[in-house]
């Protein structure tokens, strides 16, 4: 699909406030291959836009969230 950006959606558990959202967002955006991360406390979800298809594995993103102190799984 022309113009479609590769996106991975993660369920994120353990966030309780805006600071948690900021912490997860910053951790994901520092990961190699990630262009942008949008994290929602209400939806307990992170939508991660990659720089290109396959730029980072699902497992690496899950590990990044775990290292930040939260649980994650691919939706």
PDB file of N, CA and C in Angstrom:
ATOM      1  N   UNK A   1       0.838  -1.198   0.000  1.00  0.00           N
ATOM      2  CA  UNK A   1       0.000   0.000   0.000  1.00  0.00           C
ATOM      3  C   UNK A   1       0.875   1.251   0.000  1.00  0.00           C
ATOM      4  N   UNK A   2       0.717   2.041  -0.974  1.00  0.00           N
ATOM      5  CA  UNK A   2       1.512   3.251  -1.088  1.00  0.00           C
ATOM      6  C   UNK A   2       1.154   4.239   0.022  1.00  0.00           C
ATOM      7  N   UNK A   3       2.177   4.757   0.699  1.00  0.00           N
ATOM      8  CA  UNK A   3       1.960   5.777   1.715  1.00  0.00           C
ATOM      9  C   UNK A   3       1.556   5.248   3.080  1.00  0.00           C
ATOM     10  N   UNK A   4       1.377   3.936   3.203  1.00  0.00           N
ATOM     11  CA  UNK A   4       0.965   3.376   4.490  1.00  0.00           C
ATOM     12  C   UNK A   4       2.198   3.228   5.370  1.00  0.00           C
ATOM     13  N   UNK A   5       2.111   3.756   6.577  1.00  0.00           N
ATOM     14  CA  UNK A   5       3.219   3.657   7.509  1.00  0.00           C
ATOM     15  C   UNK A   5       3.062   2.390   8.340  1.00  0.00           C
ATOM     16  N   UNK A   6       4.158   1.700   8.573  1.00  0.00           N
ATOM     17  CA  UNK A   6       4.082   0.519   9.425  1.00  0.00           C
ATOM     18  C   UNK A   6       3.771   0.923  10.874  1.00  0.00           C
ATOM     19  N   UNK A   7       2.733   0.305  11.435  1.00  0.00           N
ATOM     20  CA  UNK A   7       2.278   0.655  12.782  1.00  0.00           C
ATOM     21  C   UNK A   7       2.128  -0.618  13.606  1.00  0.00           C
ATOM     22  N   UNK A   8       2.546  -0.557  14.858  1.00  0.00           N
ATOM     23  CA  UNK A   8       2.358  -1.655  15.798  1.00  0.00           C
ATOM     24  C   UNK A   8       1.567  -1.121  16.981  1.00  0.00           C
ATOM     25  N   UNK A   9       0.515  -1.853  17.369  1.00  0.00           N
ATOM     26  CA  UNK A   9      -0.284  -1.462  18.527  1.00  0.00           C
ATOM     27  C   UNK A   9       0.045  -2.387  19.680  1.00  0.00           C
ATOM     28  N   UNK A  10       0.296  -1.777  20.839  1.00  0.00           N
ATOM     29  CA  UNK A  10       0.606  -2.523  22.047  1.00  0.00           C
ATOM     30  C   UNK A  10      -0.418  -2.238  23.130  1.00  0.00           C
ATOM     31  N   UNK A  11      -0.805  -3.262  23.855  1.00  0.00           N
ATOM     32  CA  UNK A  11      -1.586  -3.083  25.080  1.00  0.00           C
ATOM     33  C   UNK A  11      -0.565  -2.853  26.186  1.00  0.00           C
ATOM     34  N   UNK A  12      -0.751  -1.787  26.971  1.00  0.00           N
ATOM     35  CA  UNK A  12       0.203  -1.448  28.029  1.00  0.00           C
ATOM     36  C   UNK A  12      -0.517  -1.466  29.371  1.00  0.00           C
ATOM     37  N   UNK A  13      -0.035  -2.291  30.277  1.00  0.00           N
ATOM     38  CA  UNK A  13      -0.616  -2.415  31.612  1.00  0.00           C
ATOM     39  C   UNK A  13       0.296  -1.777  32.648  1.00  0.00           C
ATOM     40  N   UNK A  14      -0.312  -1.195  33.668  1.00  0.00           N
ATOM     41  CA  UNK A  14       0.449  -0.655  34.787  1.00  0.00           C
ATOM     42  C   UNK A  14       0.536   0.858  34.831  1.00  0.00           C
ATOM     43  N   UNK A  15       0.057   1.529  33.794  1.00  0.00           N
ATOM     44  CA  UNK A  15       0.077   2.992  33.797  1.00  0.00           C
ATOM     45  C   UNK A  15      -1.071   3.508  34.657  1.00  0.00           C
ATOM     46  N   UNK A  16      -0.778   4.516  35.485  1.00  0.00           N
ATOM     47  CA  UNK A  16      -1.813   5.059  36.366  1.00  0.00           C
ATOM     48  C   UNK A  16      -2.005   6.559  36.232  1.00  0.00           C
ATOM     49  N   UNK A  17      -1.103   7.242  35.502  1.00  0.00           N
ATOM     50  CA  UNK A  17      -1.199   8.705  35.428  1.00  0.00           C
ATOM     51  C   UNK A  17      -0.510   9.227  34.176  1.00  0.00           C
ATOM     52  N   UNK A  18      -0.583  10.519  33.993  1.00  0.00           N
ATOM     53  CA  UNK A  18       0.041  11.164  32.849  1.00  0.00           C
ATOM     54  C   UNK A  18       1.547  11.002  32.818  1.00  0.00           C
ATOM     55  N   UNK A  19       2.172  10.945  33.994  1.00  0.00           N
ATOM     56  CA  UNK A  19       3.614  10.751  34.045  1.00  0.00           C
ATOM     57  C   UNK A  19       3.975   9.385  33.471  1.00  0.00           C
ATOM     58  N   UNK A  20       3.168   8.375  33.775  1.00  0.00           N
ATOM     59  CA  UNK A  20       3.387   7.032  33.228  1.00  0.00           C
ATOM     60  C   UNK A  20       3.326   7.072  31.701  1.00  0.00           C
ATOM     61  N   UNK A  21       2.335   7.760  31.169  1.00  0.00           N
ATOM     62  CA  UNK A  21       2.174   7.888  29.722  1.00  0.00           C
ATOM     63  C   UNK A  21       3.411   8.537  29.119  1.00  0.00           C
ATOM     64  N   UNK A  22       3.880   9.601  29.724  1.00  0.00           N
ATOM     65  CA  UNK A  22       5.066  10.299  29.234  1.00  0.00           C
ATOM     66  C   UNK A  22       6.286   9.382  29.278  1.00  0.00           C
ATOM     67  N   UNK A  23       6.421   8.629  30.356  1.00  0.00           N
ATOM     68  CA  UNK A  23       7.560   7.728  30.524  1.00  0.00           C
ATOM     69  C   UNK A  23       7.566   6.647  29.431  1.00  0.00           C
ATOM     70  N   UNK A  24       6.411   6.042  29.167  1.00  0.00           N
ATOM     71  CA  UNK A  24       6.309   5.011  28.132  1.00  0.00           C
ATOM     72  C   UNK A  24       6.551   5.617  26.748  1.00  0.00           C
ATOM     73  N   UNK A  25       5.967   6.780  26.500  1.00  0.00           N
ATOM     74  CA  UNK A  25       6.150   7.457  25.213  1.00  0.00           C
ATOM     75  C   UNK A  25       7.621   7.733  24.949  1.00  0.00           C
ATOM     76  N   UNK A  26       8.309   8.300  25.921  1.00  0.00           N
ATOM     77  CA  UNK A  26       9.728   8.630  25.757  1.00  0.00           C
ATOM     78  C   UNK A  26      10.568   7.374  25.545  1.00  0.00           C
ATOM     79  N   UNK A  27      10.273   6.314  26.286  1.00  0.00           N
ATOM     80  CA  UNK A  27      11.028   5.067  26.141  1.00  0.00           C
ATOM     81  C   UNK A  27      10.858   4.496  24.732  1.00  0.00           C
ATOM     82  N   UNK A  28       9.622   4.461  24.248  1.00  0.00           N
ATOM     83  CA  UNK A  28       9.371   3.921  22.916  1.00  0.00           C
ATOM     84  C   UNK A  28      10.002   4.781  21.831  1.00  0.00           C
ATOM     85  N   UNK A  29       9.912   6.102  21.976  1.00  0.00           N
ATOM     86  CA  UNK A  29      10.453   6.983  20.935  1.00  0.00           C
ATOM     87  C   UNK A  29      11.981   6.973  20.891  1.00  0.00           C
ATOM     88  N   UNK A  30      12.624   6.529  21.960  1.00  0.00           N
ATOM     89  CA  UNK A  30      14.085   6.397  21.963  1.00  0.00           C
ATOM     90  C   UNK A  30      14.541   5.094  21.316  1.00  0.00           C
ATOM     91  N   UNK A  31      13.624   4.147  21.146  1.00  0.00           N
ATOM     92  CA  UNK A  31      13.970   2.859  20.559  1.00  0.00           C
ATOM     93  C   UNK A  31      14.359   3.034  19.092  1.00  0.00           C
ATOM     94  N   UNK A  32      15.390   2.329  18.700  1.00  0.00           N
ATOM     95  CA  UNK A  32      15.863   2.387  17.323  1.00  0.00           C
ATOM     96  C   UNK A  32      14.762   1.910  16.381  1.00  0.00           C
ATOM     97  N   UNK A  33      14.526   2.658  15.327  1.00  0.00           N
ATOM     98  CA  UNK A  33      13.534   2.279  14.333  1.00  0.00           C
ATOM     99  C   UNK A  33      12.156   2.865  14.551  1.00  0.00           C
ATOM    100  N   UNK A  34      11.953   3.534  15.698  1.00  0.00           N
ATOM    101  CA  UNK A  34      10.642   4.113  16.008  1.00  0.00           C
ATOM    102  C   UNK A  34      10.604   5.571  15.556  1.00  0.00           C
ATOM    103  N   UNK A  35       9.580   5.918  14.802  1.00  0.00           N
ATOM    104  CA  UNK A  35       9.392   7.305  14.359  1.00  0.00           C
ATOM    105  C   UNK A  35       8.587   8.097  15.374  1.00  0.00           C
ATOM    106  N   UNK A  36       7.483   7.462  15.884  1.00  0.00           N
ATOM    107  CA  UNK A  36       6.594   8.171  16.794  1.00  0.00           C
ATOM    108  C   UNK A  36       5.835   7.161  17.642  1.00  0.00           C
ATOM    109  N   UNK A  37       5.508   7.552  18.867  1.00  0.00           N
ATOM    110  CA  UNK A  37       4.677   6.713  19.732  1.00  0.00           C
ATOM    111  C   UNK A  37       3.574   7.568  20.330  1.00  0.00           C
ATOM    112  N   UNK A  38       2.353   7.068  20.245  1.00  0.00           N
ATOM    113  CA  UNK A  38       1.204   7.732  20.860  1.00  0.00           C
ATOM    114  C   UNK A  38       0.645   6.785  21.906  1.00  0.00           C
ATOM    115  N   UNK A  39       0.669   7.222  23.170  1.00  0.00           N
ATOM    116  CA  UNK A  39       0.264   6.368  24.281  1.00  0.00           C
ATOM    117  C   UNK A  39      -0.995   6.935  24.931  1.00  0.00           C
ATOM    118  N   UNK A  40      -1.964   6.060  25.193  1.00  0.00           N
ATOM    119  CA  UNK A  40      -3.230   6.464  25.801  1.00  0.00           C
ATOM    120  C   UNK A  40      -3.413   5.764  27.138  1.00  0.00           C
ATOM    121  N   UNK A  41      -3.585   6.554  28.189  1.00  0.00           N
ATOM    122  CA  UNK A  41      -3.861   6.004  29.511  1.00  0.00           C
ATOM    123  C   UNK A  41      -5.252   5.381  29.546  1.00  0.00           C
ATOM    124  N   UNK A  42      -6.240   6.070  28.993  1.00  0.00           N
ATOM    125  CA  UNK A  42      -7.621   5.590  29.008  1.00  0.00           C
ATOM    126  C   UNK A  42      -7.776   4.255  28.264  1.00  0.00           C
ATOM    127  N   UNK A  43      -7.105   4.149  27.126  1.00  0.00           N
ATOM    128  CA  UNK A  43      -7.221   2.936  26.318  1.00  0.00           C
ATOM    129  C   UNK A  43      -6.191   1.881  26.690  1.00  0.00           C
ATOM    130  N   UNK A  44      -5.237   2.246  27.570  1.00  0.00           N
ATOM    131  CA  UNK A  44      -4.140   1.346  27.960  1.00  0.00           C
ATOM    132  C   UNK A  44      -3.453   0.792  26.720  1.00  0.00           C
ATOM    133  N   UNK A  45      -3.081   1.717  25.840  1.00  0.00           N
ATOM    134  CA  UNK A  45      -2.585   1.320  24.530  1.00  0.00           C
ATOM    135  C   UNK A  45      -1.488   2.261  24.052  1.00  0.00           C
ATOM    136  N   UNK A  46      -0.579   1.701  23.257  1.00  0.00           N
ATOM    137  CA  UNK A  46       0.441   2.499  22.580  1.00  0.00           C
ATOM    138  C   UNK A  46       0.367   2.178  21.094  1.00  0.00           C
ATOM    139  N   UNK A  47       0.330   3.219  20.279  1.00  0.00           N
ATOM    140  CA  UNK A  47       0.368   3.062  18.832  1.00  0.00           C
ATOM    141  C   UNK A  47       1.740   3.561  18.394  1.00  0.00           C
ATOM    142  N   UNK A  48       2.541   2.629  17.876  1.00  0.00           N
ATOM    143  CA  UNK A  48       3.931   2.934  17.540  1.00  0.00           C
ATOM    144  C   UNK A  48       4.092   2.951  16.024  1.00  0.00           C
ATOM    145  N   UNK A  49       4.536   4.092  15.499  1.00  0.00           N
ATOM    146  CA  UNK A  49       4.797   4.220  14.072  1.00  0.00           C
ATOM    147  C   UNK A  49       6.289   4.006  13.847  1.00  0.00           C
ATOM    148  N   UNK A  50       6.608   3.068  12.974  1.00  0.00           N
ATOM    149  CA  UNK A  50       8.006   2.746  12.675  1.00  0.00           C
ATOM    150  C   UNK A  50       8.530   3.595  11.536  1.00  0.00           C
ATOM    151  N   UNK A  51       9.851   3.757  11.492  1.00  0.00           N
ATOM    152  CA  UNK A  51      10.469   4.514  10.397  1.00  0.00           C
ATOM    153  C   UNK A  51      10.296   3.789   9.072  1.00  0.00           C
ATOM    154  N   UNK A  52      10.317   2.449   9.132  1.00  0.00           N
ATOM    155  CA  UNK A  52      10.050   1.635   7.945  1.00  0.00           C
ATOM    156  C   UNK A  52       9.622   0.252   8.417  1.00  0.00           C
ATOM    157  N   UNK A  53       8.978  -0.492   7.539  1.00  0.00           N
ATOM    158  CA  UNK A  53       8.491  -1.836   7.848  1.00  0.00           C
ATOM    159  C   UNK A  53       9.649  -2.689   8.370  1.00  0.00           C
ATOM    160  N   UNK A  54       9.433  -3.333   9.512  1.00  0.00           N
ATOM    161  CA  UNK A  54      10.448  -4.217  10.069  1.00  0.00           C
ATOM    162  C   UNK A  54      11.598  -3.506  10.748  1.00  0.00           C
ATOM    163  N   UNK A  55      11.475  -2.204  10.991  1.00  0.00           N
ATOM    164  CA  UNK A  55      12.568  -1.426  11.588  1.00  0.00           C
ATOM    165  C   UNK A  55      12.881  -1.877  13.008  1.00  0.00           C
ATOM    166  N   UNK A  56      11.889  -2.436  13.689  1.00  0.00           N
ATOM    167  CA  UNK A  56      12.079  -2.944  15.049  1.00  0.00           C
ATOM    168  C   UNK A  56      11.072  -4.069  15.265  1.00  0.00           C
ATOM    169  N   UNK A  57      11.466  -5.074  16.031  1.00  0.00           N
ATOM    170  CA  UNK A  57      10.579  -6.220  16.248  1.00  0.00           C
ATOM    171  C   UNK A  57       9.551  -5.934  17.348  1.00  0.00           C
ATOM    172  N   UNK A  58       8.461  -6.669  17.296  1.00  0.00           N
ATOM    173  CA  UNK A  58       7.458  -6.561  18.358  1.00  0.00           C
ATOM    174  C   UNK A  58       8.086  -6.873  19.708  1.00  0.00           C
ATOM    175  N   UNK A  59       8.927  -7.899  19.745  1.00  0.00           N
ATOM    176  CA  UNK A  59       9.567  -8.312  20.996  1.00  0.00           C
ATOM    177  C   UNK A  59      10.440  -7.200  21.573  1.00  0.00           C
ATOM    178  N   UNK A  60      11.144  -6.486  20.697  1.00  0.00           N
ATOM    179  CA  UNK A  60      11.995  -5.388  21.164  1.00  0.00           C
ATOM    180  C   UNK A  60      11.158  -4.260  21.762  1.00  0.00           C
ATOM    181  N   UNK A  61      10.011  -3.968  21.155  1.00  0.00           N
ATOM    182  CA  UNK A  61       9.131  -2.929  21.697  1.00  0.00           C
ATOM    183  C   UNK A  61       8.555  -3.354  23.044  1.00  0.00           C
ATOM    184  N   UNK A  62       8.151  -4.617  23.150  1.00  0.00           N
ATOM    185  CA  UNK A  62       7.625  -5.132  24.421  1.00  0.00           C
ATOM    186  C   UNK A  62       8.706  -5.040  25.499  1.00  0.00           C
ATOM    187  N   UNK A  63       9.919  -5.402  25.161  1.00  0.00           N
ATOM    188  CA  UNK A  63      11.025  -5.337  26.119  1.00  0.00           C
ATOM    189  C   UNK A  63      11.301  -3.886  26.532  1.00  0.00           C
ATOM    190  N   UNK A  64      11.197  -2.956  25.599  1.00  0.00           N
ATOM    191  CA  UNK A  64      11.389  -1.538  25.912  1.00  0.00           C
ATOM    192  C   UNK A  64      10.379  -1.076  26.949  1.00  0.00           C
ATOM    193  N   UNK A  65       9.124  -1.462  26.775  1.00  0.00           N
ATOM    194  CA  UNK A  65       8.075  -1.096  27.736  1.00  0.00           C
ATOM    195  C   UNK A  65       8.342  -1.750  29.089  1.00  0.00           C
ATOM    196  N   UNK A  66       8.761  -3.014  29.082  1.00  0.00           N
ATOM    197  CA  UNK A  66       9.073  -3.715  30.339  1.00  0.00           C
ATOM    198  C   UNK A  66      10.213  -3.029  31.081  1.00  0.00           C
ATOM    199  N   UNK A  67      11.242  -2.617  30.346  1.00  0.00           N
ATOM    200  CA  UNK A  67      12.373  -1.927  30.957  1.00  0.00           C
ATOM    201  C   UNK A  67      11.950  -0.589  31.553  1.00  0.00           C
ATOM    202  N   UNK A  68      10.888  -0.015  31.017  1.00  0.00           N
ATOM    203  CA  UNK A  68      10.362   1.249  31.556  1.00  0.00           C
ATOM    204  C   UNK A  68       9.500   0.998  32.803  1.00  0.00           C
ATOM    205  N   UNK A  69       9.205  -0.292  33.102  1.00  0.00           N
ATOM    206  CA  UNK A  69       8.475  -0.624  34.314  1.00  0.00           C
ATOM    207  C   UNK A  69       7.018  -1.005  34.116  1.00  0.00           C
ATOM    208  N   UNK A  70       6.624  -1.325  32.887  1.00  0.00           N
ATOM    209  CA  UNK A  70       5.232  -1.641  32.588  1.00  0.00           C
ATOM    210  C   UNK A  70       5.164  -2.953  31.808  1.00  0.00           C
ATOM    211  N   UNK A  71       3.981  -3.513  31.699  1.00  0.00           N
ATOM    212  CA  UNK A  71       3.774  -4.731  30.924  1.00  0.00           C
ATOM    213  C   UNK A  71       3.169  -4.373  29.575  1.00  0.00           C
ATOM    214  N   UNK A  72       3.547  -5.131  28.552  1.00  0.00           N
ATOM    215  CA  UNK A  72       3.035  -4.856  27.212  1.00  0.00           C
ATOM    216  C   UNK A  72       2.819  -6.148  26.450  1.00  0.00           C
ATOM    217  N   UNK A  73       1.885  -6.095  25.510  1.00  0.00           N
ATOM    218  CA  UNK A  73       1.672  -7.193  24.570  1.00  0.00           C
ATOM    219  C   UNK A  73       1.132  -6.604  23.277  1.00  0.00           C
ATOM    220  N   UNK A  74       1.352  -7.300  22.189  1.00  0.00           N
ATOM    221  CA  UNK A  74       0.883  -6.834  20.883  1.00  0.00           C
ATOM    222  C   UNK A  74      -0.623  -7.062  20.799  1.00  0.00           C
ATOM    223  N   UNK A  75      -1.332  -6.069  20.303  1.00  0.00           N
ATOM    224  CA  UNK A  75      -2.788  -6.164  20.144  1.00  0.00           C
ATOM    225  C   UNK A  75      -3.071  -6.856  18.817  1.00  0.00           C
TER     226      UNK A  75
END
